[in-house]
Amino acid sequence: MCGRYAASRRPEDLTGLFQIEKWEPKETLAPDWNVAPTKEVYAVLERPLKDKDADPDRPVRQLRVLKWGLVPSWSKTPEGAARMINARAETLHEKPSFKRAFAQRRCILPADGYFEWVTGAAERQLEEQGKKKRPRKQPYFVTPADGAVFAMAGLYEFWRDPTLPPDHPQAWWATCSVVTTDADKEPLGVAPAEGPHALADIHPRMPLMLTPDRWDAWLDPARTDTDDLRSLLTPPPSGLMRAYPVATAVSNVRNNGPELLEEIAAPEEGTLF
């Protein structure tokens, strides 16, 4: 699962990194160290431009702003968007909410890394101690060990609000979802001194990381065969990530700032791993 992540890179950096051809400076987002569902996020995608002078058959790699929480094009209302933040890699080719986007509208969601809250071991320890009150869950930040961008596989959709006229600026919603896969069970590239030593120790699911050699294939709108596309859903090699505990301040979506990514020496008092 991925319910919170950090995305602080400037659009100027992303355009060079992903070889973006089209980006609108008016769509610039502020750095966000606590991205939560329904927020606007950057997405890298390829599709023809609608400009009158553009070639309608040539896909252009673009940096776009989408809302996190996918609304299928056939939805009557956008009310379920906050629940559609993740799409399981194993089933997205058959799920009505995702299969069309998987075949035709794939994107990359650039991130610094993602947050996950440890629950399993804490619950077991409480059970053993006979306690009823749960301690605060300890958040961990998971990020590429080499400091590179965390390119999360994503899907996007367009939804038309039937209550608004077609020319209304809010008539169309552009939304997205993060593709998730099984968390790596192998030792982390850089493991903390105490606590989890594999991503699966933190949570059984994680965002599907796309290594640079898969970016072009994932974004290519000409690839629409789902059997072919499913080969791109293989998790990356083990050992590419590191995870470390961070302050519980990130648990409150109102908190935002680079300090949320600072590593703490050990889980905070009152939390358990």
C-alpha atoms as a PDB file:
ATOM      1  CA  MET A   1       0.000   0.000   0.000  1.00  0.00           C
ATOM      2  CA  CYS A   2       1.003   3.617  -0.452  1.00  0.00           C
ATOM      3  CA  GLY A   3      -1.037   6.198   1.431  1.00  0.00           C
ATOM      4  CA  ARG A   4       1.492   8.989   1.874  1.00  0.00           C
ATOM      5  CA  TYR A   5       4.649  10.029   0.063  1.00  0.00           C
ATOM      6  CA  ALA A   6       7.093  12.901  -0.388  1.00  0.00           C
ATOM      7  CA  ALA A   7       7.701  14.774  -3.651  1.00  0.00           C
ATOM      8  CA  SER A   8      10.026  17.746  -3.319  1.00  0.00           C
ATOM      9  CA  ARG A   9      11.871  17.816  -6.647  1.00  0.00           C
ATOM     10  CA  ARG A  10      11.460  20.936  -8.758  1.00  0.00           C
ATOM     11  CA  PRO A  11       9.732  20.622 -12.140  1.00  0.00           C
ATOM     12  CA  GLU A  12      12.917  21.917 -13.786  1.00  0.00           C
ATOM     13  CA  ASP A  13      14.751  18.886 -12.396  1.00  0.00           C
ATOM     14  CA  LEU A  14      12.019  16.457 -13.430  1.00  0.00           C
ATOM     15  CA  THR A  15      11.856  17.760 -16.993  1.00  0.00           C
ATOM     16  CA  GLY A  16      15.528  17.001 -17.504  1.00  0.00           C
ATOM     17  CA  LEU A  17      15.473  13.679 -15.697  1.00  0.00           C
ATOM     18  CA  PHE A  18      12.481  12.306 -17.611  1.00  0.00           C
ATOM     19  CA  GLN A  19      13.215  14.100 -20.914  1.00  0.00           C
ATOM     20  CA  ILE A  20       9.976  16.066 -20.776  1.00  0.00           C
ATOM     21  CA  GLU A  21       8.947  17.849 -23.970  1.00  0.00           C
ATOM     22  CA  LYS A  22       5.945  19.762 -22.626  1.00  0.00           C
ATOM     23  CA  TRP A  23       5.430  21.420 -19.265  1.00  0.00           C
ATOM     24  CA  GLU A  24       3.303  24.405 -18.277  1.00  0.00           C
ATOM     25  CA  PRO A  25       5.023  26.641 -15.681  1.00  0.00           C
ATOM     26  CA  LYS A  26       1.569  27.749 -14.518  1.00  0.00           C
ATOM     27  CA  GLU A  27       1.066  24.207 -13.213  1.00  0.00           C
ATOM     28  CA  THR A  28       4.047  24.432 -10.846  1.00  0.00           C
ATOM     29  CA  LEU A  29       3.464  22.717  -7.504  1.00  0.00           C
ATOM     30  CA  ALA A  30       5.235  23.595  -4.286  1.00  0.00           C
ATOM     31  CA  PRO A  31       7.527  20.922  -2.797  1.00  0.00           C
ATOM     32  CA  ASP A  32       5.417  18.568  -0.707  1.00  0.00           C
ATOM     33  CA  TRP A  33       6.927  16.387   2.000  1.00  0.00           C
ATOM     34  CA  ASN A  34       3.577  14.942   3.088  1.00  0.00           C
ATOM     35  CA  VAL A  35       1.554  14.091  -0.021  1.00  0.00           C
ATOM     36  CA  ALA A  36      -1.839  12.707   0.976  1.00  0.00           C
ATOM     37  CA  PRO A  37      -4.770  11.332  -1.058  1.00  0.00           C
ATOM     38  CA  THR A  38      -6.757  13.908  -3.102  1.00  0.00           C
ATOM     39  CA  LYS A  39      -3.750  16.259  -3.303  1.00  0.00           C
ATOM     40  CA  GLU A  40      -2.396  17.420  -6.648  1.00  0.00           C
ATOM     41  CA  VAL A  41       0.790  15.668  -7.752  1.00  0.00           C
ATOM     42  CA  TYR A  42       3.190  15.624 -10.678  1.00  0.00           C
ATOM     43  CA  ALA A  43       2.839  12.864 -13.252  1.00  0.00           C
ATOM     44  CA  VAL A  44       4.968  12.030 -16.293  1.00  0.00           C
ATOM     45  CA  LEU A  45       2.875  10.762 -19.210  1.00  0.00           C
ATOM     46  CA  GLU A  46       2.817  10.529 -22.975  1.00  0.00           C
ATOM     47  CA  ARG A  47      -0.120  11.534 -25.152  1.00  0.00           C
ATOM     48  CA  PRO A  48      -0.713  13.752 -28.221  1.00  0.00           C
ATOM     49  CA  LEU A  49      -1.099  17.456 -27.598  1.00  0.00           C
ATOM     50  CA  LYS A  50      -4.408  19.172 -28.297  1.00  0.00           C
ATOM     51  CA  ASP A  51      -2.735  22.293 -29.650  1.00  0.00           C
ATOM     52  CA  LYS A  52      -4.013  23.189 -33.102  1.00  0.00           C
ATOM     53  CA  ASP A  53      -0.481  23.130 -34.548  1.00  0.00           C
ATOM     54  CA  ALA A  54       0.503  19.817 -32.933  1.00  0.00           C
ATOM     55  CA  ASP A  55       0.612  16.474 -34.693  1.00  0.00           C
ATOM     56  CA  PRO A  56      -2.468  14.621 -33.382  1.00  0.00           C
ATOM     57  CA  ASP A  57      -0.752  11.266 -33.912  1.00  0.00           C
ATOM     58  CA  ARG A  58       2.543  11.960 -32.149  1.00  0.00           C
ATOM     59  CA  PRO A  59       2.658  11.253 -28.407  1.00  0.00           C
ATOM     60  CA  VAL A  60       4.484  13.937 -26.449  1.00  0.00           C
ATOM     61  CA  ARG A  61       6.096  13.309 -23.087  1.00  0.00           C
ATOM     62  CA  GLN A  62       4.562  15.751 -20.640  1.00  0.00           C
ATOM     63  CA  LEU A  63       4.776  16.742 -16.990  1.00  0.00           C
ATOM     64  CA  ARG A  64       1.195  17.153 -15.840  1.00  0.00           C
ATOM     65  CA  VAL A  65      -0.588  17.863 -12.572  1.00  0.00           C
ATOM     66  CA  LEU A  66      -3.106  15.207 -11.546  1.00  0.00           C
ATOM     67  CA  LYS A  67      -5.210  14.615  -8.458  1.00  0.00           C
ATOM     68  CA  TRP A  68      -4.207  11.568  -6.416  1.00  0.00           C
ATOM     69  CA  GLY A  69      -7.213   9.243  -6.210  1.00  0.00           C
ATOM     70  CA  LEU A  70      -8.400   7.759  -9.487  1.00  0.00           C
ATOM     71  CA  VAL A  71     -11.934   8.410 -10.718  1.00  0.00           C
ATOM     72  CA  PRO A  72     -12.873   5.996 -13.543  1.00  0.00           C
ATOM     73  CA  SER A  73     -14.317   7.690 -16.622  1.00  0.00           C
ATOM     74  CA  TRP A  74     -17.614   5.817 -16.137  1.00  0.00           C
ATOM     75  CA  SER A  75     -18.137   6.938 -12.528  1.00  0.00           C
ATOM     76  CA  LYS A  76     -21.286   8.906 -11.826  1.00  0.00           C
ATOM     77  CA  THR A  77     -19.583  10.878  -9.037  1.00  0.00           C
ATOM     78  CA  PRO A  78     -15.987  11.390  -7.854  1.00  0.00           C
ATOM     79  CA  GLU A  79     -16.819  10.461  -4.273  1.00  0.00           C
ATOM     80  CA  GLY A  80     -14.724   7.277  -4.232  1.00  0.00           C
ATOM     81  CA  ALA A  81     -11.490   8.961  -5.354  1.00  0.00           C
ATOM     82  CA  ALA A  82      -9.857   8.886  -1.924  1.00  0.00           C
ATOM     83  CA  ARG A  83     -10.267   5.104  -1.870  1.00  0.00           C
ATOM     84  CA  MET A  84      -8.741   4.601  -5.330  1.00  0.00           C
ATOM     85  CA  ILE A  85      -5.213   5.722  -4.521  1.00  0.00           C
ATOM     86  CA  ASN A  86      -3.662   2.280  -5.133  1.00  0.00           C
ATOM     87  CA  ALA A  87      -4.029  -0.322  -7.891  1.00  0.00           C
ATOM     88  CA  ARG A  88      -2.731  -3.841  -7.229  1.00  0.00           C
ATOM     89  CA  ALA A  89      -0.304  -4.924  -9.960  1.00  0.00           C
ATOM     90  CA  GLU A  90      -1.597  -8.487  -9.838  1.00  0.00           C
ATOM     91  CA  THR A  91      -5.207  -7.617 -10.706  1.00  0.00           C
ATOM     92  CA  LEU A  92      -5.287  -4.215 -12.407  1.00  0.00           C
ATOM     93  CA  HIS A  93      -5.573  -5.828 -15.870  1.00  0.00           C
ATOM     94  CA  GLU A  94      -8.987  -7.256 -14.899  1.00  0.00           C
ATOM     95  CA  LYS A  95     -10.452  -4.719 -12.478  1.00  0.00           C
ATOM     96  CA  PRO A  96     -13.104  -2.493 -14.147  1.00  0.00           C
ATOM     97  CA  SER A  97     -11.701   0.600 -12.419  1.00  0.00           C
ATOM     98  CA  PHE A  98      -8.174   0.103 -13.745  1.00  0.00           C
ATOM     99  CA  LYS A  99      -8.031  -2.161 -16.789  1.00  0.00           C
ATOM    100  CA  ARG A 100      -8.726   0.541 -19.380  1.00  0.00           C
ATOM    101  CA  ALA A 101      -6.185   2.887 -17.848  1.00  0.00           C
ATOM    102  CA  PHE A 102      -3.633   0.067 -17.648  1.00  0.00           C
ATOM    103  CA  ALA A 103      -3.975  -0.521 -21.381  1.00  0.00           C
ATOM    104  CA  GLN A 104      -4.047   3.118 -22.469  1.00  0.00           C
ATOM    105  CA  ARG A 105      -3.137   5.605 -19.716  1.00  0.00           C
ATOM    106  CA  ARG A 106      -0.015   4.768 -17.744  1.00  0.00           C
ATOM    107  CA  CYS A 107       2.153   7.345 -16.030  1.00  0.00           C
ATOM    108  CA  ILE A 108       5.098   7.748 -13.682  1.00  0.00           C
ATOM    109  CA  LEU A 109       4.591   9.497 -10.360  1.00  0.00           C
ATOM    110  CA  PRO A 110       7.954  10.951  -9.266  1.00  0.00           C
ATOM    111  CA  ALA A 111       8.638  10.843  -5.529  1.00  0.00           C
ATOM    112  CA  ASP A 112      11.455  11.146  -3.025  1.00  0.00           C
ATOM    113  CA  GLY A 113      10.080   8.073  -1.282  1.00  0.00           C
ATOM    114  CA  TYR A 114       7.030   6.936   0.631  1.00  0.00           C
ATOM    115  CA  PHE A 115       5.920   6.646   4.248  1.00  0.00           C
ATOM    116  CA  GLU A 116       4.626   3.512   5.905  1.00  0.00           C
ATOM    117  CA  TRP A 117       3.538   2.882   9.466  1.00  0.00           C
ATOM    118  CA  VAL A 118       4.667  -0.254  11.266  1.00  0.00           C
ATOM    119  CA  THR A 119       1.779  -2.206  12.706  1.00  0.00           C
ATOM    120  CA  GLY A 120       2.397  -5.953  12.719  1.00  0.00           C
ATOM    121  CA  ALA A 121       5.086  -6.388  15.372  1.00  0.00           C
ATOM    122  CA  ALA A 122       3.587  -3.677  17.566  1.00  0.00           C
ATOM    123  CA  GLU A 123       0.236  -5.437  17.640  1.00  0.00           C
ATOM    124  CA  ARG A 124       1.867  -8.751  18.484  1.00  0.00           C
ATOM    125  CA  GLN A 125       3.821  -7.204  21.348  1.00  0.00           C
ATOM    126  CA  LEU A 126       0.706  -5.592  22.771  1.00  0.00           C
ATOM    127  CA  GLU A 127      -1.079  -8.914  22.569  1.00  0.00           C
ATOM    128  CA  GLU A 128       1.700 -10.605  24.501  1.00  0.00           C
ATOM    129  CA  GLN A 129       1.606  -7.883  27.143  1.00  0.00           C
ATOM    130  CA  GLY A 130      -2.161  -8.097  27.458  1.00  0.00           C
ATOM    131  CA  LYS A 131      -2.590  -4.395  26.702  1.00  0.00           C
ATOM    132  CA  LYS A 132      -5.714  -3.027  25.096  1.00  0.00           C
ATOM    133  CA  LYS A 133      -4.565   0.461  24.255  1.00  0.00           C
ATOM    134  CA  ARG A 134      -2.452   0.647  21.125  1.00  0.00           C
ATOM    135  CA  PRO A 135       0.684   2.811  21.096  1.00  0.00           C
ATOM    136  CA  ARG A 136       1.308   5.261  18.324  1.00  0.00           C
ATOM    137  CA  LYS A 137       2.421   3.569  15.114  1.00  0.00           C
ATOM    138  CA  GLN A 138       5.994   4.256  14.091  1.00  0.00           C
ATOM    139  CA  PRO A 139       6.351   5.851  10.644  1.00  0.00           C
ATOM    140  CA  TYR A 140       9.218   4.847   8.376  1.00  0.00           C
ATOM    141  CA  PHE A 141      10.424   6.588   5.239  1.00  0.00           C
ATOM    142  CA  VAL A 142      11.367   4.304   2.343  1.00  0.00           C
ATOM    143  CA  THR A 143      13.571   5.789  -0.363  1.00  0.00           C
ATOM    144  CA  PRO A 144      16.116   4.720  -3.000  1.00  0.00           C
ATOM    145  CA  ALA A 145      19.407   3.988  -1.259  1.00  0.00           C
ATOM    146  CA  ASP A 146      21.356   5.988  -3.869  1.00  0.00           C
ATOM    147  CA  GLY A 147      19.224   9.137  -3.505  1.00  0.00           C
ATOM    148  CA  ALA A 148      17.740   8.814  -7.001  1.00  0.00           C
ATOM    149  CA  VAL A 149      14.145   9.686  -7.828  1.00  0.00           C
ATOM    150  CA  PHE A 150      11.600   7.063  -6.799  1.00  0.00           C
ATOM    151  CA  ALA A 151       9.668   6.505 -10.040  1.00  0.00           C
ATOM    152  CA  MET A 152       6.357   4.973  -9.005  1.00  0.00           C
ATOM    153  CA  ALA A 153       4.297   3.223 -11.668  1.00  0.00           C
ATOM    154  CA  GLY A 154       0.930   4.925 -12.000  1.00  0.00           C
ATOM    155  CA  LEU A 155      -2.322   4.979 -13.944  1.00  0.00           C
ATOM    156  CA  TYR A 156      -4.373   8.037 -14.854  1.00  0.00           C
ATOM    157  CA  GLU A 157      -7.900   8.755 -16.003  1.00  0.00           C
ATOM    158  CA  PHE A 158     -10.101  11.643 -17.137  1.00  0.00           C
ATOM    159  CA  TRP A 159     -13.547  12.130 -15.633  1.00  0.00           C
ATOM    160  CA  ARG A 160     -16.221  14.523 -16.892  1.00  0.00           C
ATOM    161  CA  ASP A 161     -18.373  16.230 -14.276  1.00  0.00           C
ATOM    162  CA  PRO A 162     -21.904  16.002 -15.740  1.00  0.00           C
ATOM    163  CA  THR A 163     -23.159  18.791 -13.476  1.00  0.00           C
ATOM    164  CA  LEU A 164     -20.973  21.396 -15.189  1.00  0.00           C
ATOM    165  CA  PRO A 165     -20.985  22.761 -18.755  1.00  0.00           C
ATOM    166  CA  PRO A 166     -18.204  21.384 -21.014  1.00  0.00           C
ATOM    167  CA  ASP A 167     -16.346  24.699 -21.130  1.00  0.00           C
ATOM    168  CA  HIS A 168     -16.265  25.088 -17.339  1.00  0.00           C
ATOM    169  CA  PRO A 169     -12.643  25.089 -16.022  1.00  0.00           C
ATOM    170  CA  GLN A 170     -13.532  22.356 -13.514  1.00  0.00           C
ATOM    171  CA  ALA A 171     -15.606  20.203 -15.873  1.00  0.00           C
ATOM    172  CA  TRP A 172     -12.787  17.687 -16.334  1.00  0.00           C
ATOM    173  CA  TRP A 173     -10.897  15.876 -13.602  1.00  0.00           C
ATOM    174  CA  ALA A 174      -7.475  14.321 -14.274  1.00  0.00           C
ATOM    175  CA  THR A 175      -6.767  11.737 -11.571  1.00  0.00           C
ATOM    176  CA  CYS A 176      -4.240   9.003 -10.846  1.00  0.00           C
ATOM    177  CA  SER A 177      -3.469   5.907  -8.804  1.00  0.00           C
ATOM    178  CA  VAL A 178      -0.205   4.328  -7.612  1.00  0.00           C
ATOM    179  CA  VAL A 179       0.442   0.755  -8.762  1.00  0.00           C
ATOM    180  CA  THR A 180       1.491  -1.467  -5.835  1.00  0.00           C
ATOM    181  CA  THR A 181       3.222  -4.831  -5.596  1.00  0.00           C
ATOM    182  CA  ASP A 182       4.466  -7.241  -2.931  1.00  0.00           C
ATOM    183  CA  ALA A 183       7.073  -5.637  -0.708  1.00  0.00           C
ATOM    184  CA  ASP A 184      10.624  -6.924  -1.010  1.00  0.00           C
ATOM    185  CA  LYS A 185      11.434  -9.653   1.509  1.00  0.00           C
ATOM    186  CA  GLU A 186      15.185  -9.446   0.918  1.00  0.00           C
ATOM    187  CA  PRO A 187      17.451  -7.355   3.212  1.00  0.00           C
ATOM    188  CA  LEU A 188      17.373  -3.626   2.559  1.00  0.00           C
ATOM    189  CA  GLY A 189      20.237  -1.980   0.712  1.00  0.00           C
ATOM    190  CA  VAL A 190      20.809   0.084   3.860  1.00  0.00           C
ATOM    191  CA  ALA A 191      19.092  -1.319   6.939  1.00  0.00           C
ATOM    192  CA  PRO A 192      18.465   0.589  10.204  1.00  0.00           C
ATOM    193  CA  ALA A 193      20.380  -0.426  13.323  1.00  0.00           C
ATOM    194  CA  GLU A 194      17.157  -1.651  14.883  1.00  0.00           C
ATOM    195  CA  GLY A 195      13.712  -2.349  13.534  1.00  0.00           C
ATOM    196  CA  PRO A 196      12.808  -3.718  10.090  1.00  0.00           C
ATOM    197  CA  HIS A 197      15.501  -5.208   7.871  1.00  0.00           C
ATOM    198  CA  ALA A 198      13.274  -5.820   4.837  1.00  0.00           C
ATOM    199  CA  LEU A 199      10.467  -3.765   3.323  1.00  0.00           C
ATOM    200  CA  ALA A 200       8.052  -6.624   3.981  1.00  0.00           C
ATOM    201  CA  ASP A 201       8.782  -6.188   7.706  1.00  0.00           C
ATOM    202  CA  ILE A 202       7.223  -2.743   7.480  1.00  0.00           C
ATOM    203  CA  HIS A 203       4.236  -3.502   5.242  1.00  0.00           C
ATOM    204  CA  PRO A 204       3.413  -6.380   2.848  1.00  0.00           C
ATOM    205  CA  ARG A 205       2.779  -3.976  -0.045  1.00  0.00           C
ATOM    206  CA  MET A 206       4.795  -1.171  -1.642  1.00  0.00           C
ATOM    207  CA  PRO A 207       4.636   1.089  -4.710  1.00  0.00           C
ATOM    208  CA  LEU A 208       5.949  -0.554  -7.872  1.00  0.00           C
ATOM    209  CA  MET A 209       9.288   1.089  -8.587  1.00  0.00           C
ATOM    210  CA  LEU A 210      10.148   1.526 -12.263  1.00  0.00           C
ATOM    211  CA  THR A 211      13.864   1.460 -12.970  1.00  0.00           C
ATOM    212  CA  PRO A 212      14.989   3.832 -15.790  1.00  0.00           C
ATOM    213  CA  ASP A 213      15.258   0.991 -18.298  1.00  0.00           C
ATOM    214  CA  ARG A 214      11.454   0.552 -18.086  1.00  0.00           C
ATOM    215  CA  TRP A 215      10.362   4.177 -18.254  1.00  0.00           C
ATOM    216  CA  ASP A 216       9.987   4.366 -22.036  1.00  0.00           C
ATOM    217  CA  ALA A 217       8.076   1.092 -22.325  1.00  0.00           C
ATOM    218  CA  TRP A 218       5.730   1.944 -19.448  1.00  0.00           C
ATOM    219  CA  LEU A 219       4.880   5.361 -20.873  1.00  0.00           C
ATOM    220  CA  ASP A 220       4.522   4.249 -24.502  1.00  0.00           C
ATOM    221  CA  PRO A 221       0.797   4.630 -25.392  1.00  0.00           C
ATOM    222  CA  ALA A 222       1.292   2.421 -28.448  1.00  0.00           C
ATOM    223  CA  ARG A 223       1.719  -0.578 -26.156  1.00  0.00           C
ATOM    224  CA  THR A 224      -1.830  -1.669 -25.383  1.00  0.00           C
ATOM    225  CA  ASP A 225      -1.634  -5.461 -25.182  1.00  0.00           C
ATOM    226  CA  THR A 226      -2.206  -6.296 -21.524  1.00  0.00           C
ATOM    227  CA  ASP A 227      -0.298  -9.594 -21.673  1.00  0.00           C
ATOM    228  CA  ASP A 228       2.707  -7.695 -22.987  1.00  0.00           C
ATOM    229  CA  LEU A 229       2.284  -4.900 -20.441  1.00  0.00           C
ATOM    230  CA  ARG A 230       2.099  -7.286 -17.523  1.00  0.00           C
ATOM    231  CA  SER A 231       5.760  -8.134 -18.097  1.00  0.00           C
ATOM    232  CA  LEU A 232       6.538  -4.568 -16.965  1.00  0.00           C
ATOM    233  CA  LEU A 233       4.963  -5.213 -13.555  1.00  0.00           C
ATOM    234  CA  THR A 234       7.850  -7.322 -12.306  1.00  0.00           C
ATOM    235  CA  PRO A 235       9.334  -5.800  -9.118  1.00  0.00           C
ATOM    236  CA  PRO A 236      12.829  -4.293  -9.451  1.00  0.00           C
ATOM    237  CA  PRO A 237      15.950  -6.038  -8.135  1.00  0.00           C
ATOM    238  CA  SER A 238      16.317  -6.340  -4.368  1.00  0.00           C
ATOM    239  CA  GLY A 239      18.577  -4.098  -2.326  1.00  0.00           C
ATOM    240  CA  LEU A 240      17.772  -0.793  -4.052  1.00  0.00           C
ATOM    241  CA  MET A 241      15.917   0.776  -1.118  1.00  0.00           C
ATOM    242  CA  ARG A 242      16.634   1.947   2.391  1.00  0.00           C
ATOM    243  CA  ALA A 243      14.157   2.589   5.205  1.00  0.00           C
ATOM    244  CA  TYR A 244      14.528   4.540   8.421  1.00  0.00           C
ATOM    245  CA  PRO A 245      12.274   5.781  11.232  1.00  0.00           C
ATOM    246  CA  VAL A 246      11.029   9.365  11.139  1.00  0.00           C
ATOM    247  CA  ALA A 247       9.157  11.526  13.621  1.00  0.00           C
ATOM    248  CA  THR A 248       5.472  10.824  14.170  1.00  0.00           C
ATOM    249  CA  ALA A 249       4.733  14.408  13.073  1.00  0.00           C
ATOM    250  CA  VAL A 250       4.253  13.039   9.549  1.00  0.00           C
ATOM    251  CA  SER A 251       1.163  11.193  10.781  1.00  0.00           C
ATOM    252  CA  ASN A 252      -0.679  14.526  10.802  1.00  0.00           C
ATOM    253  CA  VAL A 253      -1.373  15.595   7.206  1.00  0.00           C
ATOM    254  CA  ARG A 254      -1.280  19.243   8.270  1.00  0.00           C
ATOM    255  CA  ASN A 255       2.451  18.968   8.982  1.00  0.00           C
ATOM    256  CA  ASN A 256       4.713  19.597   6.021  1.00  0.00           C
ATOM    257  CA  GLY A 257       8.389  20.347   5.627  1.00  0.00           C
ATOM    258  CA  PRO A 258      11.778  18.737   4.937  1.00  0.00           C
ATOM    259  CA  GLU A 259      12.143  17.900   8.622  1.00  0.00           C
ATOM    260  CA  LEU A 260       9.582  15.117   8.103  1.00  0.00           C
ATOM    261  CA  LEU A 261      12.238  13.193   6.152  1.00  0.00           C
ATOM    262  CA  GLU A 262      14.915  13.480   8.833  1.00  0.00           C
ATOM    263  CA  GLU A 263      16.045  10.166  10.244  1.00  0.00           C
ATOM    264  CA  ILE A 264      15.640   9.644  13.970  1.00  0.00           C
ATOM    265  CA  ALA A 265      17.954   7.437  15.982  1.00  0.00           C
ATOM    266  CA  ALA A 266      15.241   5.046  17.167  1.00  0.00           C
ATOM    267  CA  PRO A 267      11.450   4.725  17.274  1.00  0.00           C
ATOM    268  CA  GLU A 268       9.870   7.514  19.297  1.00  0.00           C
ATOM    269  CA  GLU A 269       8.819   6.900  22.867  1.00  0.00           C
ATOM    270  CA  GLY A 270       5.321   5.462  22.969  1.00  0.00           C
ATOM    271  CA  THR A 271       5.714   3.696  19.606  1.00  0.00           C
ATOM    272  CA  LEU A 272       6.659   0.113  18.972  1.00  0.00           C
ATOM    273  CA  PHE A 273       8.140  -1.886  16.162  1.00  0.00           C
END
